[in-house]
Amino acid sequence: MTSRRQFISRSALAFTALSASRVLGANNTIRIASIGLGGQGLGNAGRMAKVPGVEIAYLCDPDTAALDKAKKVFPNAKTTQDLRKVMEDKSIDAVVVSTGNHWHVLASIWAMQAGKDVYVEKPVSHNIWEGRKLVEAARKYNRIVQGGTQQRSDPLQEEIKAFLDAETMGKIKYVRCNHYSMRASIGKRAQPLTPPATVDYDIWLGPAKDEPIYREKFHYDWHWNWNTGNGEMGNWGPHILDDLRNVVFRDKVALPKRVIAGGGRFAWDDAGETPNTHFAYMDTGSIPVIVDFHNLPRQKGVKAPDVYLRRRTGAFLIIECEGGYYTGSRGGGTAFDSEGKKLHIFKGDGGKNHAANFIDAIRSRKSEDLKGEVEKIHFSSAWCHLANNSYRLGQKYNREQAEAAVKDFQPWNDVIADFHQHLIKNELDASKLDIKMGPMLEIDVAKETFIGDTATPEALALLTREYRPGFEVPKAV
């Protein structure tokens, strides 16, 4: 078996030559390797397999249990626990990366260096620095790289843009991005969890630190530890904030200029580190943005997620205008006037053609054909990382100070008031909770770094991470 050090040391020039020698014709079968075969990974494989002219030729997951399950769906595909085997296979045209967040960038870069195109799940990065490396690799190796924010391929998005441009509701005042969902405690073990015997733990860890795991379940709940995941902000946030960047800002606002966030992980007393209640303000220099995520129920003892102004139940994206508002989620939305009268109902498909869009771009070799081209989704992922960064730098919360952080903007006070109501409804005493309020981070948008008084060593360290030896994201791709 090729060692990881041997693999990394291979010549990028050789990979580039391989890439140049494999130009697909319109009638060629595109052979795909699916890397990461959890629920989303297996679903992605299924969606790719439905596109004409596509074959799922390789299945890869560090857990043989996941491989065995996927093999029943794709019996003719080869299997491996080690993604380096996939990279070595010259017959593979493209990979679909549906691993844990900590693997997204390195797996994608390795694939591009091996002359393969990439579909990578959101968030496309585990941190902002490596997200930029992902984009640099796509440019250097001239690969087709699609981010997994499928709403980009929903025709609904263009319809909403046209409606906003007509200014039937007047000009946009501000946008609120919500996600209220039910989660539960992930438990807290007294002794570290032993990974399942079916898992190659060295490969599963990849770039992440080898540190004890105290949650009850090995799979999926990695989302709620910073070592491997990015919390709900990095889970649902890339979808919602990508809709925001696409529909409201038309991708012209790469990053916000300032970000502040607060919240905490309440009620559960578990091994999770990421907040289950998280709110943020993002100063774009034009339209203000508020983000608000709740994972606790609507009320203690009620098995239902929270709601925002009942008229907008289930809304992810709420665009407040001078004479009305739009409220929507995946695959649909509604525009209202200021009196609450419906102006228009929007119906979409949730982006069912996102996989086909990726395949079409592979055939055309034009990255501009992609709906979710990697740099766009890098920026959308980075908005989420910024909200997490401010939270992680947080100090003890003080309501008056939190409200004063954003002056003369009532919607910010509203989101803080909603936060306190959420705690009260869950019978939580704010004075006894570990609530964090982060600093107002100032961002150099062009350089994707912090500036000013908040550019502390602690803040700058959160833009990247320490990589495990042998699994480093390269500084020069």
Protein backbone atom coordinates (compact mmCIF):
# COMPACT_ATOMS: atom_id res chain seq x y z
CA MET A 1 0.00 0.00 0.00
CA THR A 2 1.22 3.50 -0.81
CA SER A 3 2.01 5.42 2.36
CA ARG A 4 0.40 8.80 2.87
CA ARG A 5 3.84 10.46 2.79
CA GLN A 6 4.67 8.79 -0.51
CA PHE A 7 1.34 9.87 -1.92
CA ILE A 8 1.74 13.49 -0.87
CA SER A 9 5.25 13.68 -2.31
CA ARG A 10 4.18 12.66 -5.79
CA SER A 11 4.71 15.21 -8.51
CA ALA A 12 1.83 17.57 -9.21
CA LEU A 13 3.19 17.87 -12.75
CA ALA A 14 2.51 14.20 -13.33
CA PHE A 15 -1.07 14.67 -12.17
CA THR A 16 -1.47 17.68 -14.43
CA ALA A 17 -0.24 15.66 -17.39
CA LEU A 18 -2.73 12.94 -16.54
CA SER A 19 -5.49 15.54 -16.44
CA ALA A 20 -4.59 16.91 -19.84
CA SER A 21 -4.61 13.44 -21.37
CA ARG A 22 -8.16 12.65 -20.29
CA VAL A 23 -10.57 14.91 -22.17
CA LEU A 24 -14.08 13.55 -22.06
CA GLY A 25 -16.18 13.32 -25.17
CA ALA A 26 -19.91 14.00 -25.12
CA ASN A 27 -20.73 10.28 -25.27
CA ASN A 28 -18.21 8.97 -22.77
CA THR A 29 -19.37 7.44 -19.53
CA ILE A 30 -18.24 9.50 -16.57
CA ARG A 31 -16.91 7.23 -13.84
CA ILE A 32 -17.42 8.59 -10.34
CA ALA A 33 -15.99 7.65 -6.97
CA SER A 34 -18.18 8.37 -3.95
CA ILE A 35 -16.04 9.20 -0.92
CA GLY A 36 -17.96 9.16 2.35
CA LEU A 37 -21.05 6.96 2.42
CA GLY A 38 -23.20 8.15 5.29
CA GLY A 39 -26.77 9.26 4.65
CA GLN A 40 -25.78 12.29 2.58
CA GLY A 41 -22.99 10.44 0.79
CA LEU A 42 -25.18 7.55 -0.25
CA GLY A 43 -27.84 10.03 -1.31
CA ASN A 44 -25.34 11.95 -3.42
CA ALA A 45 -24.23 8.71 -5.07
CA GLY A 46 -27.83 7.91 -5.91
CA ARG A 47 -28.42 11.34 -7.41
CA MET A 48 -25.29 11.10 -9.52
CA ALA A 49 -26.23 7.61 -10.70
CA LYS A 50 -29.52 8.92 -12.09
CA VAL A 51 -27.74 11.28 -14.48
CA PRO A 52 -27.44 9.68 -17.94
CA GLY A 53 -23.93 8.59 -18.82
CA VAL A 54 -22.74 8.34 -15.22
CA GLU A 55 -21.41 5.25 -13.44
CA ILE A 56 -20.69 4.96 -9.72
CA ALA A 57 -17.48 3.03 -10.18
CA TYR A 58 -15.79 3.31 -6.80
CA LEU A 59 -17.10 3.40 -3.23
CA CYS A 60 -14.90 4.70 -0.44
CA ASP A 61 -15.50 4.97 3.30
CA PRO A 62 -13.25 4.26 6.28
CA ASP A 63 -16.10 2.19 7.77
CA THR A 64 -16.61 -1.20 6.15
CA ALA A 65 -20.17 -1.25 7.49
CA ALA A 66 -20.96 1.77 5.30
CA LEU A 67 -19.17 0.14 2.37
CA ASP A 68 -21.19 -3.05 2.74
CA LYS A 69 -24.43 -1.06 2.74
CA ALA A 70 -23.45 0.96 -0.32
CA LYS A 71 -22.24 -2.16 -2.14
CA LYS A 72 -25.79 -3.52 -2.04
CA VAL A 73 -26.93 -0.45 -3.99
CA PHE A 74 -23.95 -0.38 -6.38
CA PRO A 75 -22.83 -4.03 -6.63
CA ASN A 76 -20.46 -3.45 -9.55
CA ALA A 77 -18.43 -0.71 -7.90
CA LYS A 78 -14.99 -1.28 -6.44
CA THR A 79 -14.58 -0.55 -2.72
CA THR A 80 -11.85 0.74 -0.44
CA GLN A 81 -11.48 2.24 3.01
CA ASP A 82 -8.56 4.42 1.88
CA LEU A 83 -9.34 7.37 -0.39
CA ARG A 84 -5.73 7.38 -1.64
CA LYS A 85 -6.59 4.24 -3.59
CA VAL A 86 -9.28 6.24 -5.39
CA MET A 87 -6.79 8.96 -6.29
CA GLU A 88 -4.43 6.38 -7.78
CA ASP A 89 -7.15 4.93 -10.04
CA LYS A 90 -6.71 6.54 -13.46
CA SER A 91 -10.11 5.31 -14.64
CA ILE A 92 -11.96 7.60 -12.21
CA ASP A 93 -13.05 10.90 -13.76
CA ALA A 94 -14.57 12.64 -10.75
CA VAL A 95 -15.10 12.25 -7.02
CA VAL A 96 -18.00 13.18 -4.77
CA VAL A 97 -16.69 14.17 -1.34
CA SER A 98 -19.31 13.58 1.37
CA THR A 99 -16.94 12.96 4.27
CA GLY A 100 -16.83 14.73 7.61
CA ASN A 101 -16.15 18.46 7.25
CA HIS A 102 -12.54 18.07 8.36
CA TRP A 103 -11.75 16.02 5.22
CA HIS A 104 -13.52 18.15 2.59
CA VAL A 105 -10.60 20.27 1.42
CA LEU A 106 -7.75 17.77 1.58
CA ALA A 107 -9.75 15.06 -0.19
CA SER A 108 -10.73 17.55 -2.88
CA ILE A 109 -7.19 18.85 -3.39
CA TRP A 110 -5.80 15.32 -3.63
CA ALA A 111 -8.44 14.53 -6.24
CA MET A 112 -7.65 17.63 -8.28
CA GLN A 113 -3.93 16.88 -8.14
CA ALA A 114 -4.80 13.45 -9.50
CA GLY A 115 -6.61 15.00 -12.47
CA LYS A 116 -10.15 14.46 -11.21
CA ASP A 117 -13.13 16.81 -11.01
CA VAL A 118 -14.83 17.30 -7.66
CA TYR A 119 -18.28 17.66 -6.15
CA VAL A 120 -17.74 18.59 -2.49
CA GLU A 121 -20.37 18.79 0.20
CA LYS A 122 -21.06 21.92 2.21
CA PRO A 123 -19.43 23.50 4.03
CA VAL A 124 -16.76 23.14 1.38
CA SER A 125 -14.14 23.82 4.06
CA HIS A 126 -13.52 23.32 7.76
CA ASN A 127 -11.97 26.80 8.02
CA ILE A 128 -11.50 29.91 5.88
CA TRP A 129 -7.80 29.45 5.05
CA GLU A 130 -8.21 25.95 3.66
CA GLY A 131 -11.28 27.06 1.71
CA ARG A 132 -9.08 29.50 -0.18
CA LYS A 133 -6.60 26.66 -0.84
CA LEU A 134 -9.48 24.68 -2.33
CA VAL A 135 -10.20 27.52 -4.76
CA GLU A 136 -6.50 27.92 -5.60
CA ALA A 137 -6.28 24.22 -6.45
CA ALA A 138 -9.34 24.41 -8.70
CA ARG A 139 -7.71 27.27 -10.60
CA LYS A 140 -4.23 25.72 -10.78
CA TYR A 141 -5.38 22.31 -12.02
CA ASN A 142 -8.25 23.68 -14.12
CA ARG A 143 -10.76 21.31 -12.56
CA ILE A 144 -14.56 21.43 -12.44
CA VAL A 145 -15.47 21.86 -8.76
CA GLN A 146 -19.08 22.07 -7.59
CA GLY A 147 -20.19 22.91 -4.04
CA GLY A 148 -23.05 20.92 -2.54
CA THR A 149 -25.51 23.79 -2.09
CA GLN A 150 -28.16 22.39 -4.39
CA GLN A 151 -30.55 25.34 -4.16
CA ARG A 152 -28.21 27.06 -6.63
CA SER A 153 -29.71 24.79 -9.29
CA ASP A 154 -33.33 25.58 -8.37
CA PRO A 155 -35.01 27.77 -11.05
CA LEU A 156 -36.87 29.35 -8.13
CA GLN A 157 -33.81 31.47 -7.36
CA GLU A 158 -33.97 33.40 -10.63
CA GLU A 159 -37.69 33.98 -10.16
CA ILE A 160 -37.11 35.48 -6.71
CA LYS A 161 -34.35 37.73 -8.06
CA ALA A 162 -36.64 39.06 -10.80
CA PHE A 163 -39.40 39.73 -8.27
CA LEU A 164 -37.02 41.63 -5.99
CA ASP A 165 -35.69 43.63 -8.93
CA ALA A 166 -39.24 44.73 -9.82
CA GLU A 167 -39.40 46.34 -6.33
CA THR A 168 -43.05 45.35 -5.87
CA MET A 169 -42.24 45.32 -2.14
CA GLY A 170 -39.91 48.30 -2.35
CA LYS A 171 -36.22 48.30 -1.51
CA ILE A 172 -34.68 45.74 0.86
CA LYS A 173 -34.16 46.99 4.42
CA TYR A 174 -32.51 43.96 6.01
CA VAL A 175 -32.44 40.15 5.88
CA ARG A 176 -32.95 37.62 8.64
CA CYS A 177 -31.61 34.08 8.16
CA ASN A 178 -33.20 31.56 10.55
CA HIS A 179 -32.93 27.88 11.16
CA TYR A 180 -35.04 26.40 13.93
CA SER A 181 -34.79 22.63 14.22
CA MET A 182 -35.03 19.95 16.87
CA ARG A 183 -31.81 18.38 18.04
CA ALA A 184 -31.08 16.34 21.14
CA SER A 185 -28.22 15.71 23.54
CA ILE A 186 -25.34 13.63 22.17
CA GLY A 187 -24.57 12.33 25.67
CA LYS A 188 -21.36 12.50 27.65
CA ARG A 189 -19.38 9.38 28.47
CA ALA A 190 -17.18 9.01 31.52
CA GLN A 191 -14.63 7.08 29.45
CA PRO A 192 -13.65 7.84 25.84
CA LEU A 193 -15.57 6.14 23.07
CA THR A 194 -13.76 3.35 21.24
CA PRO A 195 -14.30 3.72 17.47
CA PRO A 196 -16.20 0.82 15.88
CA ALA A 197 -14.04 -2.15 14.89
CA THR A 198 -15.23 -1.67 11.30
CA VAL A 199 -13.58 1.77 11.09
CA ASP A 200 -10.04 2.57 9.96
CA TYR A 201 -9.69 5.32 12.53
CA ASP A 202 -6.43 6.73 11.15
CA ILE A 203 -8.12 7.35 7.80
CA TRP A 204 -11.32 8.61 9.44
CA LEU A 205 -9.33 11.19 11.41
CA GLY A 206 -7.25 12.36 8.46
CA PRO A 207 -6.41 16.04 9.08
CA ALA A 208 -8.14 16.19 12.49
CA LYS A 209 -6.45 15.89 15.86
CA ASP A 210 -6.40 12.51 17.55
CA GLU A 211 -8.23 13.45 20.73
CA PRO A 212 -10.61 11.50 23.02
CA ILE A 213 -14.26 11.28 21.95
CA TYR A 214 -16.79 11.51 24.77
CA ARG A 215 -20.03 11.52 22.78
CA GLU A 216 -22.18 8.36 22.69
CA LYS A 217 -22.35 7.87 18.90
CA PHE A 218 -19.33 7.76 16.64
CA HIS A 219 -21.01 8.74 13.38
CA TYR A 220 -22.83 11.97 12.51
CA ASP A 221 -22.44 13.63 15.91
CA TRP A 222 -18.94 14.68 14.88
CA HIS A 223 -20.80 17.78 13.62
CA TRP A 224 -20.99 19.12 17.19
CA ASN A 225 -17.24 19.03 18.00
CA TRP A 226 -14.91 21.71 16.62
CA ASN A 227 -12.21 19.16 15.77
CA THR A 228 -14.30 17.62 13.01
CA GLY A 229 -17.42 19.75 12.56
CA ASN A 230 -18.73 23.30 12.46
CA GLY A 231 -21.98 23.04 14.40
CA GLU A 232 -25.39 23.95 13.07
CA MET A 233 -23.95 27.17 11.64
CA GLY A 234 -21.72 25.04 9.42
CA ASN A 235 -24.39 22.41 8.82
CA TRP A 236 -27.45 24.37 7.69
CA GLY A 237 -25.76 27.76 7.52
CA PRO A 238 -24.05 27.22 4.14
CA HIS A 239 -27.42 26.50 2.51
CA ILE A 240 -29.17 29.54 3.96
CA LEU A 241 -26.31 32.00 3.64
CA ASP A 242 -25.65 30.80 0.10
CA ASP A 243 -29.28 31.61 -0.75
CA LEU A 244 -28.66 35.03 0.80
CA ARG A 245 -25.50 35.66 -1.21
CA ASN A 246 -27.12 34.43 -4.40
CA VAL A 247 -30.60 35.98 -4.20
CA VAL A 248 -29.97 39.19 -2.26
CA PHE A 249 -26.33 40.09 -2.99
CA ARG A 250 -25.97 38.34 -6.37
CA ASP A 251 -22.53 37.12 -5.25
CA LYS A 252 -21.22 40.70 -5.28
CA VAL A 253 -20.62 40.68 -1.52
CA ALA A 254 -17.86 38.12 -0.97
CA LEU A 255 -17.63 38.48 2.81
CA PRO A 256 -19.17 40.79 5.39
CA LYS A 257 -17.03 43.63 6.72
CA ARG A 258 -17.87 42.98 10.37
CA VAL A 259 -19.38 40.02 12.25
CA ILE A 260 -20.46 39.54 15.86
CA ALA A 261 -22.07 36.44 17.35
CA GLY A 262 -23.31 35.03 20.63
CA GLY A 263 -25.20 32.11 22.12
CA GLY A 264 -24.35 28.87 23.86
CA ARG A 265 -25.04 25.18 24.34
CA PHE A 266 -27.84 24.94 26.86
CA ALA A 267 -29.91 22.32 28.69
CA TRP A 268 -28.12 19.21 27.45
CA ASP A 269 -24.87 19.06 29.49
CA ASP A 270 -23.34 16.77 26.89
CA ALA A 271 -20.04 16.28 25.06
CA GLY A 272 -20.94 18.73 22.31
CA GLU A 273 -18.96 21.95 21.95
CA THR A 274 -20.89 23.88 19.30
CA PRO A 275 -23.82 26.14 20.28
CA ASN A 276 -27.39 24.89 20.08
CA THR A 277 -28.59 28.50 20.20
CA HIS A 278 -26.59 30.89 18.06
CA PHE A 279 -27.25 34.41 16.81
CA ALA A 280 -25.12 36.76 14.71
CA TYR A 281 -25.07 40.16 13.02
CA MET A 282 -23.24 40.66 9.73
CA ASP A 283 -22.38 44.11 8.46
CA THR A 284 -22.08 43.98 4.67
CA GLY A 285 -21.67 47.69 4.12
CA SER A 286 -25.11 47.77 2.52
CA ILE A 287 -27.97 45.46 3.56
CA PRO A 288 -27.65 44.30 7.19
CA VAL A 289 -27.98 40.57 7.91
CA ILE A 290 -29.08 38.75 11.07
CA VAL A 291 -28.61 35.01 11.59
CA ASP A 292 -30.53 33.10 14.25
CA PHE A 293 -30.32 29.33 14.93
CA HIS A 294 -32.21 27.37 17.60
CA ASN A 295 -31.92 23.63 18.28
CA LEU A 296 -34.04 23.60 21.45
CA PRO A 297 -37.82 23.10 21.25
CA ARG A 298 -40.46 25.80 20.95
CA GLN A 299 -41.18 25.28 24.62
CA LYS A 300 -40.02 22.81 27.21
CA GLY A 301 -41.95 19.57 26.82
CA VAL A 302 -43.20 20.48 23.33
CA LYS A 303 -41.92 18.24 20.53
CA ALA A 304 -41.76 20.96 17.89
CA PRO A 305 -39.10 23.42 16.74
CA ASP A 306 -39.23 27.11 17.50
CA VAL A 307 -41.00 29.56 15.18
CA TYR A 308 -40.36 33.16 14.18
CA LEU A 309 -43.44 35.41 14.14
CA ARG A 310 -45.83 32.53 13.49
CA ARG A 311 -46.77 33.90 10.07
CA ARG A 312 -43.33 32.74 8.90
CA THR A 313 -43.16 29.23 10.30
CA GLY A 314 -40.39 27.19 8.69
CA ALA A 315 -38.78 30.17 6.99
CA PHE A 316 -35.03 30.15 6.38
CA LEU A 317 -34.66 33.38 4.43
CA ILE A 318 -36.73 36.42 5.41
CA ILE A 319 -36.17 39.50 3.24
CA GLU A 320 -37.69 42.57 4.88
CA CYS A 321 -38.51 45.34 2.41
CA GLU A 322 -40.00 48.82 2.64
CA GLY A 323 -43.45 47.64 1.58
CA GLY A 324 -43.54 43.94 2.39
CA TYR A 325 -41.41 40.88 2.87
CA TYR A 326 -40.38 37.57 1.31
CA THR A 327 -40.19 34.41 3.38
CA GLY A 328 -38.88 31.17 1.97
CA SER A 329 -37.09 27.90 2.51
CA ARG A 330 -35.87 25.07 0.30
CA GLY A 331 -38.05 24.73 -2.78
CA GLY A 332 -40.56 27.49 -2.10
CA GLY A 333 -41.46 30.86 -0.68
CA THR A 334 -44.09 33.59 -0.48
CA ALA A 335 -44.03 37.37 -0.91
CA PHE A 336 -46.38 39.49 1.21
CA ASP A 337 -47.23 43.15 1.31
CA SER A 338 -46.85 45.17 4.51
CA GLU A 339 -50.40 44.20 5.57
CA GLY A 340 -49.68 40.50 5.23
CA LYS A 341 -51.53 39.99 1.95
CA LYS A 342 -49.95 37.43 -0.37
CA LEU A 343 -48.39 38.98 -3.45
CA HIS A 344 -46.83 35.91 -5.02
CA ILE A 345 -46.16 32.24 -4.25
CA PHE A 346 -42.89 30.78 -5.50
CA LYS A 347 -42.51 27.06 -6.14
CA GLY A 348 -39.24 25.32 -6.93
CA ASP A 349 -37.73 21.86 -6.94
CA GLY A 350 -35.05 22.25 -4.25
CA GLY A 351 -32.29 21.95 -6.84
CA LYS A 352 -32.93 18.44 -8.12
CA ASN A 353 -30.71 19.06 -11.16
CA HIS A 354 -27.59 20.03 -9.18
CA ALA A 355 -25.89 16.69 -9.88
CA ALA A 356 -26.76 16.94 -13.57
CA ASN A 357 -25.35 20.47 -13.64
CA PHE A 358 -22.04 19.12 -12.33
CA ILE A 359 -21.94 16.41 -14.99
CA ASP A 360 -22.84 18.89 -17.75
CA ALA A 361 -19.93 21.11 -16.69
CA ILE A 362 -17.56 18.12 -16.68
CA ARG A 363 -18.54 17.49 -20.29
CA SER A 364 -18.30 21.14 -21.39
CA ARG A 365 -15.08 21.76 -19.38
CA LYS A 366 -16.48 25.22 -18.55
CA SER A 367 -16.50 26.09 -14.86
CA GLU A 368 -18.81 29.01 -15.65
CA ASP A 369 -21.51 26.43 -16.41
CA LEU A 370 -21.56 25.41 -12.75
CA LYS A 371 -24.38 26.73 -10.59
CA GLY A 372 -22.35 26.17 -7.41
CA GLU A 373 -18.84 27.00 -8.62
CA VAL A 374 -16.39 26.45 -5.79
CA GLU A 375 -15.38 30.04 -5.08
CA LYS A 376 -18.99 31.12 -4.63
CA ILE A 377 -19.57 28.34 -2.12
CA HIS A 378 -16.22 29.01 -0.42
CA PHE A 379 -17.48 32.50 0.40
CA SER A 380 -20.86 31.23 1.63
CA SER A 381 -19.11 28.70 3.86
CA ALA A 382 -16.77 31.44 5.12
CA TRP A 383 -19.71 33.55 6.36
CA CYS A 384 -20.59 30.60 8.62
CA HIS A 385 -17.00 30.22 9.80
CA LEU A 386 -16.93 33.92 10.73
CA ALA A 387 -20.04 33.55 12.89
CA ASN A 388 -18.44 30.54 14.57
CA ASN A 389 -15.16 32.42 15.05
CA SER A 390 -16.82 35.28 16.90
CA TYR A 391 -18.74 32.86 19.11
CA ARG A 392 -15.62 30.84 19.94
CA LEU A 393 -13.82 34.01 21.00
CA GLY A 394 -16.75 34.95 23.21
CA GLN A 395 -16.62 36.24 26.77
CA LYS A 396 -19.33 36.27 29.43
CA TYR A 397 -22.56 37.66 28.01
CA ASN A 398 -24.08 40.93 29.16
CA ARG A 399 -27.39 41.87 27.55
CA GLU A 400 -26.86 45.62 27.63
CA GLN A 401 -23.41 45.31 26.11
CA ALA A 402 -24.72 42.91 23.46
CA GLU A 403 -27.47 45.30 22.43
CA ALA A 404 -25.05 48.24 22.33
CA ALA A 405 -22.69 46.35 19.99
CA VAL A 406 -24.97 47.18 17.05
CA LYS A 407 -26.34 50.68 17.49
CA ASP A 408 -29.53 52.11 15.97
CA PHE A 409 -30.64 48.82 14.45
CA GLN A 410 -33.80 47.56 16.12
CA PRO A 411 -33.82 44.13 14.42
CA TRP A 412 -30.62 43.30 16.35
CA ASN A 413 -32.38 44.11 19.62
CA ASP A 414 -35.28 41.97 18.41
CA VAL A 415 -33.05 38.94 17.87
CA ILE A 416 -31.60 39.32 21.36
CA ALA A 417 -35.11 39.62 22.80
CA ASP A 418 -36.09 36.47 20.89
CA PHE A 419 -33.06 34.73 22.36
CA HIS A 420 -34.17 35.53 25.91
CA GLN A 421 -37.74 34.45 25.17
CA HIS A 422 -36.41 31.17 23.81
CA LEU A 423 -34.56 30.56 27.07
CA ILE A 424 -37.61 31.43 29.16
CA LYS A 425 -39.85 29.08 27.18
CA ASN A 426 -37.34 26.29 27.80
CA GLU A 427 -37.35 27.15 31.51
CA LEU A 428 -33.72 28.27 31.48
CA ASP A 429 -32.43 31.05 33.71
CA ALA A 430 -30.09 33.28 31.70
CA SER A 431 -28.26 34.38 34.85
CA LYS A 432 -27.18 30.79 35.51
CA LEU A 433 -26.11 29.87 31.98
CA ASP A 434 -22.74 29.98 30.25
CA ILE A 435 -23.80 32.45 27.56
CA LYS A 436 -21.04 33.76 25.31
CA MET A 437 -20.88 37.03 23.39
CA GLY A 438 -18.09 37.34 20.87
CA PRO A 439 -16.20 40.41 19.67
CA MET A 440 -17.18 42.43 16.62
CA LEU A 441 -14.64 40.98 14.20
CA GLU A 442 -13.38 43.32 11.49
CA ILE A 443 -12.55 41.63 8.20
CA ASP A 444 -10.18 42.45 5.37
CA VAL A 445 -12.41 41.02 2.63
CA ALA A 446 -9.70 40.89 -0.05
CA LYS A 447 -7.19 39.10 2.18
CA GLU A 448 -9.78 37.00 4.06
CA THR A 449 -8.32 37.83 7.44
CA PHE A 450 -9.05 39.89 10.54
CA ILE A 451 -7.87 43.46 11.01
CA GLY A 452 -7.99 46.09 13.73
CA ASP A 453 -8.13 45.41 17.44
CA THR A 454 -9.79 42.01 16.96
CA ALA A 455 -6.91 40.63 14.86
CA THR A 456 -5.55 38.91 17.96
CA PRO A 457 -3.44 35.75 17.86
CA GLU A 458 -6.48 33.83 19.16
CA ALA A 459 -8.70 35.17 16.39
CA LEU A 460 -6.15 34.65 13.61
CA ALA A 461 -5.58 31.07 14.79
CA LEU A 462 -9.24 30.27 14.07
CA LEU A 463 -8.79 31.08 10.39
CA THR A 464 -6.89 27.80 10.01
CA ARG A 465 -6.03 24.78 12.17
CA GLU A 466 -3.23 22.44 13.15
CA TYR A 467 -3.12 19.50 10.76
CA ARG A 468 -2.16 15.98 11.73
CA PRO A 469 1.21 14.96 10.23
CA GLY A 470 0.76 13.31 6.84
CA PHE A 471 -2.64 14.92 6.33
CA GLU A 472 -1.73 18.58 6.00
CA VAL A 473 -3.59 20.84 3.61
CA PRO A 474 -0.66 22.15 1.53
CA LYS A 475 0.30 25.82 1.77
CA ALA A 476 1.21 25.69 -1.92
CA VAL A 477 -1.32 23.56 -3.74
